[in-house]
Amino acid sequence: MPVQCIQQGRTLTARLSGEVDHHAAKEMMALLAEEIDAALPERLVLELSQVSFMDSSGIAVLLNLWRRMGQLEGSMTIRHTPAQPLRVLRAAGLDKLLHFEEEPQSGSPGAE
């Protein structure tokens, strides 16, 4: 399954995996919309560490989720984005619109 959701309190964490492209985006969006509508979270966390590829369809998924969380007056955080998807999201300017949290690279100062 390309999406696994876990709810803790008013936070919904969605772990995406595999390719977020035009083949997978529609199914991912439908599943995530269903999860959000059921949970009505205050915070949505998208865990992207297992995403191997993202194209413009992934941008559309993230923007739709961001818009839905805005309707709920909630927030959205994107975590642990691999290099290729991060390049796509930055090229689209989403790093200026969305909140990204990254973990320190091993071997860098502050890494545990």
Protein backbone atom coordinates (compact mmCIF):
# COMPACT_ATOMS: atom_id res chain seq x y z
CA MET A 1 0.00 0.00 0.00
CA PRO A 2 1.53 3.35 -1.03
CA VAL A 3 -0.10 5.20 1.92
CA GLN A 4 -0.27 4.24 5.60
CA CYS A 5 -2.06 6.53 8.04
CA ILE A 6 -1.75 6.68 11.80
CA GLN A 7 -3.84 8.96 13.98
CA GLN A 8 -2.59 10.12 17.37
CA GLY A 9 -4.91 12.58 19.03
CA ARG A 10 -5.67 15.34 16.53
CA THR A 11 -2.57 14.57 14.41
CA LEU A 12 -2.84 12.38 11.34
CA THR A 13 0.47 11.03 10.01
CA ALA A 14 0.48 9.69 6.46
CA ARG A 15 3.49 7.70 5.29
CA LEU A 16 3.78 7.73 1.51
CA SER A 17 5.98 5.25 -0.33
CA GLY A 18 7.01 4.39 -3.84
CA GLU A 19 6.40 6.66 -6.79
CA VAL A 20 4.07 9.64 -6.53
CA ASP A 21 3.34 10.03 -10.23
CA HIS A 22 0.28 10.24 -12.46
CA HIS A 23 -0.33 6.50 -12.01
CA ALA A 24 -0.47 6.63 -8.21
CA ALA A 25 -1.59 10.19 -7.46
CA LYS A 26 -5.33 9.73 -7.97
CA GLU A 27 -5.50 6.70 -5.66
CA MET A 28 -3.29 8.39 -3.06
CA MET A 29 -5.39 11.55 -3.10
CA ALA A 30 -8.66 9.60 -2.73
CA LEU A 31 -7.29 7.58 0.18
CA LEU A 32 -5.82 10.62 1.92
CA ALA A 33 -9.02 12.64 1.44
CA GLU A 34 -11.00 9.79 3.00
CA GLU A 35 -8.61 9.60 5.97
CA ILE A 36 -8.73 13.38 6.51
CA ASP A 37 -12.52 13.46 6.30
CA ALA A 38 -12.77 10.65 8.85
CA ALA A 39 -10.18 12.06 11.28
CA LEU A 40 -10.69 15.84 10.84
CA PRO A 41 -7.16 16.40 12.13
CA GLU A 42 -5.72 19.67 13.42
CA ARG A 43 -2.37 18.63 11.97
CA LEU A 44 -1.43 16.51 8.98
CA VAL A 45 2.12 15.15 8.82
CA LEU A 46 3.30 13.70 5.51
CA GLU A 47 6.24 11.34 5.96
CA LEU A 48 8.00 11.08 2.58
CA SER A 49 11.20 9.18 3.45
CA GLN A 50 10.09 6.15 1.39
CA VAL A 51 9.07 8.12 -1.72
CA SER A 52 11.41 7.09 -4.53
CA PHE A 53 10.09 9.43 -7.24
CA MET A 54 7.74 12.40 -7.55
CA ASP A 55 6.52 14.37 -10.55
CA SER A 56 4.03 17.20 -11.01
CA SER A 57 1.21 14.88 -9.94
CA GLY A 58 2.82 14.76 -6.50
CA ILE A 59 2.79 18.55 -6.39
CA ALA A 60 -0.95 18.45 -7.08
CA VAL A 61 -1.47 15.91 -4.28
CA LEU A 62 0.39 18.09 -1.76
CA LEU A 63 -1.42 21.26 -2.83
CA ASN A 64 -4.81 19.53 -2.55
CA LEU A 65 -3.94 18.29 0.94
CA TRP A 66 -2.70 21.75 1.96
CA ARG A 67 -5.93 23.31 0.68
CA ARG A 68 -8.05 20.74 2.55
CA MET A 69 -6.15 21.33 5.79
CA GLY A 70 -6.72 25.07 5.31
CA GLN A 71 -10.45 24.41 5.07
CA LEU A 72 -10.20 22.59 8.40
CA GLU A 73 -8.11 25.46 9.81
CA GLY A 74 -5.35 22.95 10.41
CA SER A 75 -1.67 22.73 9.56
CA MET A 76 0.41 20.46 7.37
CA THR A 77 4.03 19.41 7.77
CA ILE A 78 6.17 17.47 5.31
CA ARG A 79 8.92 15.33 6.82
CA HIS A 80 12.03 13.55 5.62
CA THR A 81 11.80 14.32 1.93
CA PRO A 82 14.37 12.47 -0.22
CA ALA A 83 16.53 14.44 -2.66
CA GLN A 84 14.59 13.86 -5.91
CA PRO A 85 11.12 14.72 -4.55
CA LEU A 86 12.61 17.69 -2.69
CA ARG A 87 14.10 19.06 -5.93
CA VAL A 88 10.67 18.79 -7.62
CA LEU A 89 8.90 20.50 -4.71
CA ARG A 90 11.51 23.27 -4.51
CA ALA A 91 11.38 23.85 -8.28
CA ALA A 92 7.63 24.39 -7.92
CA GLY A 93 8.19 26.82 -5.03
CA LEU A 94 6.39 24.64 -2.50
CA ASP A 95 9.23 25.09 -0.01
CA LYS A 96 8.03 28.71 0.33
CA LEU A 97 4.40 27.68 0.87
CA LEU A 98 4.58 24.48 2.91
CA HIS A 99 6.36 23.62 6.15
CA PHE A 100 9.18 21.08 5.76
CA GLU A 101 10.92 19.25 8.64
CA GLU A 102 14.10 17.38 7.82
CA GLU A 103 16.14 15.14 10.06
CA PRO A 104 19.88 15.83 10.39
CA GLN A 105 22.06 13.76 8.07
CA SER A 106 24.14 11.17 9.94
CA GLY A 107 27.62 12.43 10.58
CA SER A 108 26.57 16.08 10.56
CA PRO A 109 26.71 18.26 13.67
CA GLY A 110 23.69 17.71 15.88
CA ALA A 111 22.96 14.26 14.43
CA GLU A 112 22.35 11.57 16.98
